[in-house]
Amino acid sequence: MPVRLRKFIGTLIIIVLVVVYALVANTIATYKLAESQWYVHLAYFLFTGLLWIVPAMLVIRWMEGPPRPKQR
């Protein structure tokens, strides 16, 4: 796969990941944490704010991986 195509696909995956992840995290917070204390909100948003980095890191590692040699 050409490097430019791999980076384009990876960029689209990261954009979709961030949008979907933000919607899911906020929906869970709205329904489950409505009556919680401020420190529970802080801990939840700190944790979920950092958790999306793990799948994004895997996508970026895939994007930057060495291209496969061409087979003849």
PDB file of N, CA and C in Angstrom:
ATOM      1  N   MET A   1       0.859  -1.166   0.000  1.00  0.00           N
ATOM      2  CA  MET A   1       0.000   0.000   0.000  1.00  0.00           C
ATOM      3  C   MET A   1       0.907   1.232   0.000  1.00  0.00           C
ATOM      4  N   PRO A   2       0.627   2.177  -0.874  1.00  0.00           N
ATOM      5  CA  PRO A   2       1.439   3.397  -0.904  1.00  0.00           C
ATOM      6  C   PRO A   2       1.322   4.174   0.414  1.00  0.00           C
ATOM      7  N   VAL A   3       2.384   4.866   0.747  1.00  0.00           N
ATOM      8  CA  VAL A   3       2.438   5.596   2.014  1.00  0.00           C
ATOM      9  C   VAL A   3       1.371   6.685   2.061  1.00  0.00           C
ATOM     10  N   ARG A   4       1.165   7.384   0.977  1.00  0.00           N
ATOM     11  CA  ARG A   4       0.164   8.466   0.968  1.00  0.00           C
ATOM     12  C   ARG A   4      -1.242   7.929   1.209  1.00  0.00           C
ATOM     13  N   LEU A   5      -1.560   6.795   0.613  1.00  0.00           N
ATOM     14  CA  LEU A   5      -2.872   6.186   0.827  1.00  0.00           C
ATOM     15  C   LEU A   5      -3.018   5.715   2.267  1.00  0.00           C
ATOM     16  N   ARG A   6      -1.969   5.123   2.812  1.00  0.00           N
ATOM     17  CA  ARG A   6      -1.997   4.661   4.202  1.00  0.00           C
ATOM     18  C   ARG A   6      -2.224   5.841   5.154  1.00  0.00           C
ATOM     19  N   LYS A   7      -1.558   6.962   4.913  1.00  0.00           N
ATOM     20  CA  LYS A   7      -1.731   8.141   5.769  1.00  0.00           C
ATOM     21  C   LYS A   7      -3.123   8.742   5.608  1.00  0.00           C
ATOM     22  N   PHE A   8      -3.663   8.732   4.406  1.00  0.00           N
ATOM     23  CA  PHE A   8      -5.013   9.246   4.185  1.00  0.00           C
ATOM     24  C   PHE A   8      -6.049   8.397   4.920  1.00  0.00           C
ATOM     25  N   ILE A   9      -5.933   7.082   4.796  1.00  0.00           N
ATOM     26  CA  ILE A   9      -6.854   6.178   5.485  1.00  0.00           C
ATOM     27  C   ILE A   9      -6.712   6.327   6.992  1.00  0.00           C
ATOM     28  N   GLY A  10      -5.484   6.409   7.485  1.00  0.00           N
ATOM     29  CA  GLY A  10      -5.250   6.583   8.912  1.00  0.00           C
ATOM     30  C   GLY A  10      -5.829   7.884   9.442  1.00  0.00           C
ATOM     31  N   THR A  11      -5.715   8.954   8.670  1.00  0.00           N
ATOM     32  CA  THR A  11      -6.290  10.240   9.070  1.00  0.00           C
ATOM     33  C   THR A  11      -7.803  10.153   9.174  1.00  0.00           C
ATOM     34  N   LEU A  12      -8.436   9.505   8.214  1.00  0.00           N
ATOM     35  CA  LEU A  12      -9.893   9.343   8.264  1.00  0.00           C
ATOM     36  C   LEU A  12     -10.303   8.491   9.467  1.00  0.00           C
ATOM     37  N   ILE A  13      -9.542   7.441   9.742  1.00  0.00           N
ATOM     38  CA  ILE A  13      -9.858   6.588  10.894  1.00  0.00           C
ATOM     39  C   ILE A  13      -9.742   7.369  12.193  1.00  0.00           C
ATOM     40  N   ILE A  14      -8.712   8.185  12.329  1.00  0.00           N
ATOM     41  CA  ILE A  14      -8.527   8.967  13.553  1.00  0.00           C
ATOM     42  C   ILE A  14      -9.644   9.986  13.728  1.00  0.00           C
ATOM     43  N   ILE A  15     -10.056  10.639  12.648  1.00  0.00           N
ATOM     44  CA  ILE A  15     -11.150  11.614  12.737  1.00  0.00           C
ATOM     45  C   ILE A  15     -12.435  10.936  13.188  1.00  0.00           C
ATOM     46  N   VAL A  16     -12.768   9.805  12.581  1.00  0.00           N
ATOM     47  CA  VAL A  16     -13.972   9.059  12.970  1.00  0.00           C
ATOM     48  C   VAL A  16     -13.857   8.573  14.410  1.00  0.00           C
ATOM     49  N   LEU A  17     -12.686   8.092  14.792  1.00  0.00           N
ATOM     50  CA  LEU A  17     -12.453   7.618  16.154  1.00  0.00           C
ATOM     51  C   LEU A  17     -12.709   8.726  17.172  1.00  0.00           C
ATOM     52  N   VAL A  18     -12.167   9.901  16.936  1.00  0.00           N
ATOM     53  CA  VAL A  18     -12.316  10.998  17.895  1.00  0.00           C
ATOM     54  C   VAL A  18     -13.770  11.441  18.003  1.00  0.00           C
ATOM     55  N   VAL A  19     -14.455  11.561  16.883  1.00  0.00           N
ATOM     56  CA  VAL A  19     -15.856  12.003  16.909  1.00  0.00           C
ATOM     57  C   VAL A  19     -16.738  10.978  17.619  1.00  0.00           C
ATOM     58  N   VAL A  20     -16.617   9.723  17.245  1.00  0.00           N
ATOM     59  CA  VAL A  20     -17.445   8.676  17.860  1.00  0.00           C
ATOM     60  C   VAL A  20     -17.101   8.524  19.335  1.00  0.00           C
ATOM     61  N   TYR A  21     -15.830   8.554  19.662  1.00  0.00           N
ATOM     62  CA  TYR A  21     -15.410   8.406  21.053  1.00  0.00           C
ATOM     63  C   TYR A  21     -15.941   9.548  21.907  1.00  0.00           C
ATOM     64  N   ALA A  22     -15.870  10.767  21.405  1.00  0.00           N
ATOM     65  CA  ALA A  22     -16.372  11.916  22.165  1.00  0.00           C
ATOM     66  C   ALA A  22     -17.882  11.814  22.383  1.00  0.00           C
ATOM     67  N   LEU A  23     -18.606  11.408  21.362  1.00  0.00           N
ATOM     68  CA  LEU A  23     -20.054  11.260  21.510  1.00  0.00           C
ATOM     69  C   LEU A  23     -20.409  10.173  22.522  1.00  0.00           C
ATOM     70  N   VAL A  24     -19.725   9.052  22.463  1.00  0.00           N
ATOM     71  CA  VAL A  24     -20.011   7.956  23.394  1.00  0.00           C
ATOM     72  C   VAL A  24     -19.632   8.349  24.825  1.00  0.00           C
ATOM     73  N   ALA A  25     -18.463   8.955  24.993  1.00  0.00           N
ATOM     74  CA  ALA A  25     -18.023   9.340  26.340  1.00  0.00           C
ATOM     75  C   ALA A  25     -18.961  10.378  26.957  1.00  0.00           C
ATOM     76  N   ASN A  26     -19.402  11.332  26.166  1.00  0.00           N
ATOM     77  CA  ASN A  26     -20.315  12.348  26.700  1.00  0.00           C
ATOM     78  C   ASN A  26     -21.711  11.795  26.949  1.00  0.00           C
ATOM     79  N   THR A  27     -22.158  10.870  26.132  1.00  0.00           N
ATOM     80  CA  THR A  27     -23.460  10.250  26.358  1.00  0.00           C
ATOM     81  C   THR A  27     -23.451   9.437  27.650  1.00  0.00           C
ATOM     82  N   ILE A  28     -22.385   8.686  27.860  1.00  0.00           N
ATOM     83  CA  ILE A  28     -22.274   7.919  29.104  1.00  0.00           C
ATOM     84  C   ILE A  28     -22.236   8.866  30.301  1.00  0.00           C
ATOM     85  N   ALA A  29     -21.488   9.941  30.185  1.00  0.00           N
ATOM     86  CA  ALA A  29     -21.406  10.907  31.283  1.00  0.00           C
ATOM     87  C   ALA A  29     -22.752  11.550  31.559  1.00  0.00           C
ATOM     88  N   THR A  30     -23.511  11.853  30.526  1.00  0.00           N
ATOM     89  CA  THR A  30     -24.803  12.495  30.708  1.00  0.00           C
ATOM     90  C   THR A  30     -25.787  11.590  31.439  1.00  0.00           C
ATOM     91  N   TYR A  31     -25.813  10.322  31.069  1.00  0.00           N
ATOM     92  CA  TYR A  31     -26.799   9.417  31.652  1.00  0.00           C
ATOM     93  C   TYR A  31     -26.356   8.782  32.969  1.00  0.00           C
ATOM     94  N   LYS A  32     -25.073   8.561  33.149  1.00  0.00           N
ATOM     95  CA  LYS A  32     -24.597   7.852  34.344  1.00  0.00           C
ATOM     96  C   LYS A  32     -24.078   8.778  35.441  1.00  0.00           C
ATOM     97  N   LEU A  33     -23.598   9.962  35.084  1.00  0.00           N
ATOM     98  CA  LEU A  33     -22.955  10.827  36.069  1.00  0.00           C
ATOM     99  C   LEU A  33     -23.761  12.079  36.395  1.00  0.00           C
ATOM    100  N   ALA A  34     -25.025  12.090  36.077  1.00  0.00           N
ATOM    101  CA  ALA A  34     -25.824  13.305  36.237  1.00  0.00           C
ATOM    102  C   ALA A  34     -25.875  13.788  37.682  1.00  0.00           C
ATOM    103  N   GLU A  35     -25.962  12.898  38.617  1.00  0.00           N
ATOM    104  CA  GLU A  35     -26.097  13.274  40.027  1.00  0.00           C
ATOM    105  C   GLU A  35     -24.806  13.087  40.816  1.00  0.00           C
ATOM    106  N   SER A  36     -23.709  12.842  40.135  1.00  0.00           N
ATOM    107  CA  SER A  36     -22.443  12.583  40.825  1.00  0.00           C
ATOM    108  C   SER A  36     -21.777  13.871  41.289  1.00  0.00           C
ATOM    109  N   GLN A  37     -20.830  13.715  42.182  1.00  0.00           N
ATOM    110  CA  GLN A  37     -20.057  14.841  42.695  1.00  0.00           C
ATOM    111  C   GLN A  37     -19.085  15.342  41.631  1.00  0.00           C
ATOM    112  N   TRP A  38     -18.539  16.539  41.841  1.00  0.00           N
ATOM    113  CA  TRP A  38     -17.638  17.156  40.875  1.00  0.00           C
ATOM    114  C   TRP A  38     -16.366  16.338  40.688  1.00  0.00           C
ATOM    115  N   TYR A  39     -15.874  15.709  41.734  1.00  0.00           N
ATOM    116  CA  TYR A  39     -14.632  14.961  41.611  1.00  0.00           C
ATOM    117  C   TYR A  39     -14.824  13.669  40.803  1.00  0.00           C
ATOM    118  N   VAL A  40     -16.028  13.131  40.803  1.00  0.00           N
ATOM    119  CA  VAL A  40     -16.307  11.965  39.957  1.00  0.00           C
ATOM    120  C   VAL A  40     -16.299  12.388  38.494  1.00  0.00           C
ATOM    121  N   HIS A  41     -16.879  13.540  38.210  1.00  0.00           N
ATOM    122  CA  HIS A  41     -16.851  14.088  36.846  1.00  0.00           C
ATOM    123  C   HIS A  41     -15.405  14.345  36.413  1.00  0.00           C
ATOM    124  N   LEU A  42     -14.631  14.946  37.288  1.00  0.00           N
ATOM    125  CA  LEU A  42     -13.236  15.240  36.976  1.00  0.00           C
ATOM    126  C   LEU A  42     -12.465  13.962  36.662  1.00  0.00           C
ATOM    127  N   ALA A  43     -12.618  12.958  37.499  1.00  0.00           N
ATOM    128  CA  ALA A  43     -11.916  11.688  37.278  1.00  0.00           C
ATOM    129  C   ALA A  43     -12.374  11.020  35.984  1.00  0.00           C
ATOM    130  N   TYR A  44     -13.680  11.032  35.740  1.00  0.00           N
ATOM    131  CA  TYR A  44     -14.206  10.397  34.522  1.00  0.00           C
ATOM    132  C   TYR A  44     -13.674  11.083  33.269  1.00  0.00           C
ATOM    133  N   PHE A  45     -13.762  12.411  33.231  1.00  0.00           N
ATOM    134  CA  PHE A  45     -13.323  13.113  32.026  1.00  0.00           C
ATOM    135  C   PHE A  45     -11.808  13.110  31.879  1.00  0.00           C
ATOM    136  N   LEU A  46     -11.076  13.050  32.972  1.00  0.00           N
ATOM    137  CA  LEU A  46      -9.629  12.906  32.882  1.00  0.00           C
ATOM    138  C   LEU A  46      -9.276  11.543  32.291  1.00  0.00           C
ATOM    139  N   PHE A  47      -9.923  10.496  32.787  1.00  0.00           N
ATOM    140  CA  PHE A  47      -9.669   9.147  32.289  1.00  0.00           C
ATOM    141  C   PHE A  47     -10.083   8.996  30.826  1.00  0.00           C
ATOM    142  N   THR A  48     -11.301   9.417  30.493  1.00  0.00           N
ATOM    143  CA  THR A  48     -11.765   9.256  29.115  1.00  0.00           C
ATOM    144  C   THR A  48     -11.065  10.222  28.165  1.00  0.00           C
ATOM    145  N   GLY A  49     -10.608  11.341  28.685  1.00  0.00           N
ATOM    146  CA  GLY A  49      -9.863  12.274  27.848  1.00  0.00           C
ATOM    147  C   GLY A  49      -8.509  11.740  27.436  1.00  0.00           C
ATOM    148  N   LEU A  50      -7.957  10.860  28.227  1.00  0.00           N
ATOM    149  CA  LEU A  50      -6.661  10.258  27.901  1.00  0.00           C
ATOM    150  C   LEU A  50      -6.787   8.889  27.238  1.00  0.00           C
ATOM    151  N   LEU A  51      -7.909   8.227  27.405  1.00  0.00           N
ATOM    152  CA  LEU A  51      -8.070   6.865  26.912  1.00  0.00           C
ATOM    153  C   LEU A  51      -8.085   6.771  25.379  1.00  0.00           C
ATOM    154  N   TRP A  52      -8.544   7.797  24.684  1.00  0.00           N
ATOM    155  CA  TRP A  52      -8.624   7.732  23.225  1.00  0.00           C
ATOM    156  C   TRP A  52      -7.240   7.710  22.585  1.00  0.00           C
ATOM    157  N   ILE A  53      -6.219   8.066  23.363  1.00  0.00           N
ATOM    158  CA  ILE A  53      -4.865   8.113  22.809  1.00  0.00           C
ATOM    159  C   ILE A  53      -4.373   6.710  22.441  1.00  0.00           C
ATOM    160  N   VAL A  54      -4.810   5.692  23.167  1.00  0.00           N
ATOM    161  CA  VAL A  54      -4.330   4.323  22.910  1.00  0.00           C
ATOM    162  C   VAL A  54      -4.709   3.847  21.501  1.00  0.00           C
ATOM    163  N   PRO A  55      -5.989   3.893  21.095  1.00  0.00           N
ATOM    164  CA  PRO A  55      -6.277   3.449  19.726  1.00  0.00           C
ATOM    165  C   PRO A  55      -5.696   4.391  18.672  1.00  0.00           C
ATOM    166  N   ALA A  56      -5.631   5.686  18.982  1.00  0.00           N
ATOM    167  CA  ALA A  56      -5.034   6.620  18.020  1.00  0.00           C
ATOM    168  C   ALA A  56      -3.553   6.324  17.834  1.00  0.00           C
ATOM    169  N   MET A  57      -2.872   5.953  18.913  1.00  0.00           N
ATOM    170  CA  MET A  57      -1.458   5.612  18.828  1.00  0.00           C
ATOM    171  C   MET A  57      -1.252   4.385  17.941  1.00  0.00           C
ATOM    172  N   LEU A  58      -2.141   3.410  18.056  1.00  0.00           N
ATOM    173  CA  LEU A  58      -2.022   2.215  17.209  1.00  0.00           C
ATOM    174  C   LEU A  58      -2.227   2.550  15.735  1.00  0.00           C
ATOM    175  N   VAL A  59      -3.171   3.436  15.453  1.00  0.00           N
ATOM    176  CA  VAL A  59      -3.410   3.846  14.060  1.00  0.00           C
ATOM    177  C   VAL A  59      -2.206   4.619  13.528  1.00  0.00           C
ATOM    178  N   ILE A  60      -1.654   5.514  14.335  1.00  0.00           N
ATOM    179  CA  ILE A  60      -0.489   6.288  13.894  1.00  0.00           C
ATOM    180  C   ILE A  60       0.709   5.369  13.676  1.00  0.00           C
ATOM    181  N   ARG A  61       0.888   4.385  14.537  1.00  0.00           N
ATOM    182  CA  ARG A  61       1.980   3.423  14.346  1.00  0.00           C
ATOM    183  C   ARG A  61       1.797   2.664  13.034  1.00  0.00           C
ATOM    184  N   TRP A  62       0.554   2.300  12.717  1.00  0.00           N
ATOM    185  CA  TRP A  62       0.287   1.626  11.449  1.00  0.00           C
ATOM    186  C   TRP A  62       0.565   2.550  10.272  1.00  0.00           C
ATOM    187  N   MET A  63       0.176   3.830  10.418  1.00  0.00           N
ATOM    188  CA  MET A  63       0.393   4.789   9.334  1.00  0.00           C
ATOM    189  C   MET A  63       1.884   4.994   9.050  1.00  0.00           C
ATOM    190  N   GLU A  64       2.696   5.017  10.074  1.00  0.00           N
ATOM    191  CA  GLU A  64       4.114   5.300   9.924  1.00  0.00           C
ATOM    192  C   GLU A  64       4.957   4.057   9.690  1.00  0.00           C
ATOM    193  N   GLY A  65       4.317   2.906   9.632  1.00  0.00           N
ATOM    194  CA  GLY A  65       5.057   1.665   9.439  1.00  0.00           C
ATOM    195  C   GLY A  65       5.768   1.651   8.097  1.00  0.00           C
ATOM    196  N   PRO A  66       6.774   0.794   7.982  1.00  0.00           N
ATOM    197  CA  PRO A  66       7.507   0.728   6.714  1.00  0.00           C
ATOM    198  C   PRO A  66       6.624   0.159   5.611  1.00  0.00           C
ATOM    199  N   PRO A  67       6.761   0.687   4.417  1.00  0.00           N
ATOM    200  CA  PRO A  67       5.965   0.138   3.311  1.00  0.00           C
ATOM    201  C   PRO A  67       6.439  -1.273   2.962  1.00  0.00           C
ATOM    202  N   ARG A  68       5.508  -2.069   2.544  1.00  0.00           N
ATOM    203  CA  ARG A  68       5.850  -3.438   2.149  1.00  0.00           C
ATOM    204  C   ARG A  68       6.613  -3.410   0.837  1.00  0.00           C
ATOM    205  N   PRO A  69       7.599  -4.276   0.715  1.00  0.00           N
ATOM    206  CA  PRO A  69       8.318  -4.318  -0.560  1.00  0.00           C
ATOM    207  C   PRO A  69       7.426  -4.836  -1.678  1.00  0.00           C
ATOM    208  N   LYS A  70       7.655  -4.297  -2.856  1.00  0.00           N
ATOM    209  CA  LYS A  70       6.855  -4.720  -4.008  1.00  0.00           C
ATOM    210  C   LYS A  70       7.251  -6.128  -4.424  1.00  0.00           C
ATOM    211  N   GLN A  71       6.235  -6.942  -4.680  1.00  0.00           N
ATOM    212  CA  GLN A  71       6.491  -8.307  -5.133  1.00  0.00           C
ATOM    213  C   GLN A  71       6.359  -8.359  -6.634  1.00  0.00           C
ATOM    214  N   ARG A  72       7.224  -9.135  -7.248  1.00  0.00           N
ATOM    215  CA  ARG A  72       7.183  -9.236  -8.710  1.00  0.00           C
ATOM    216  C   ARG A  72       6.609 -10.530  -9.155  1.00  0.00           C
TER     217      ARG A  72
END
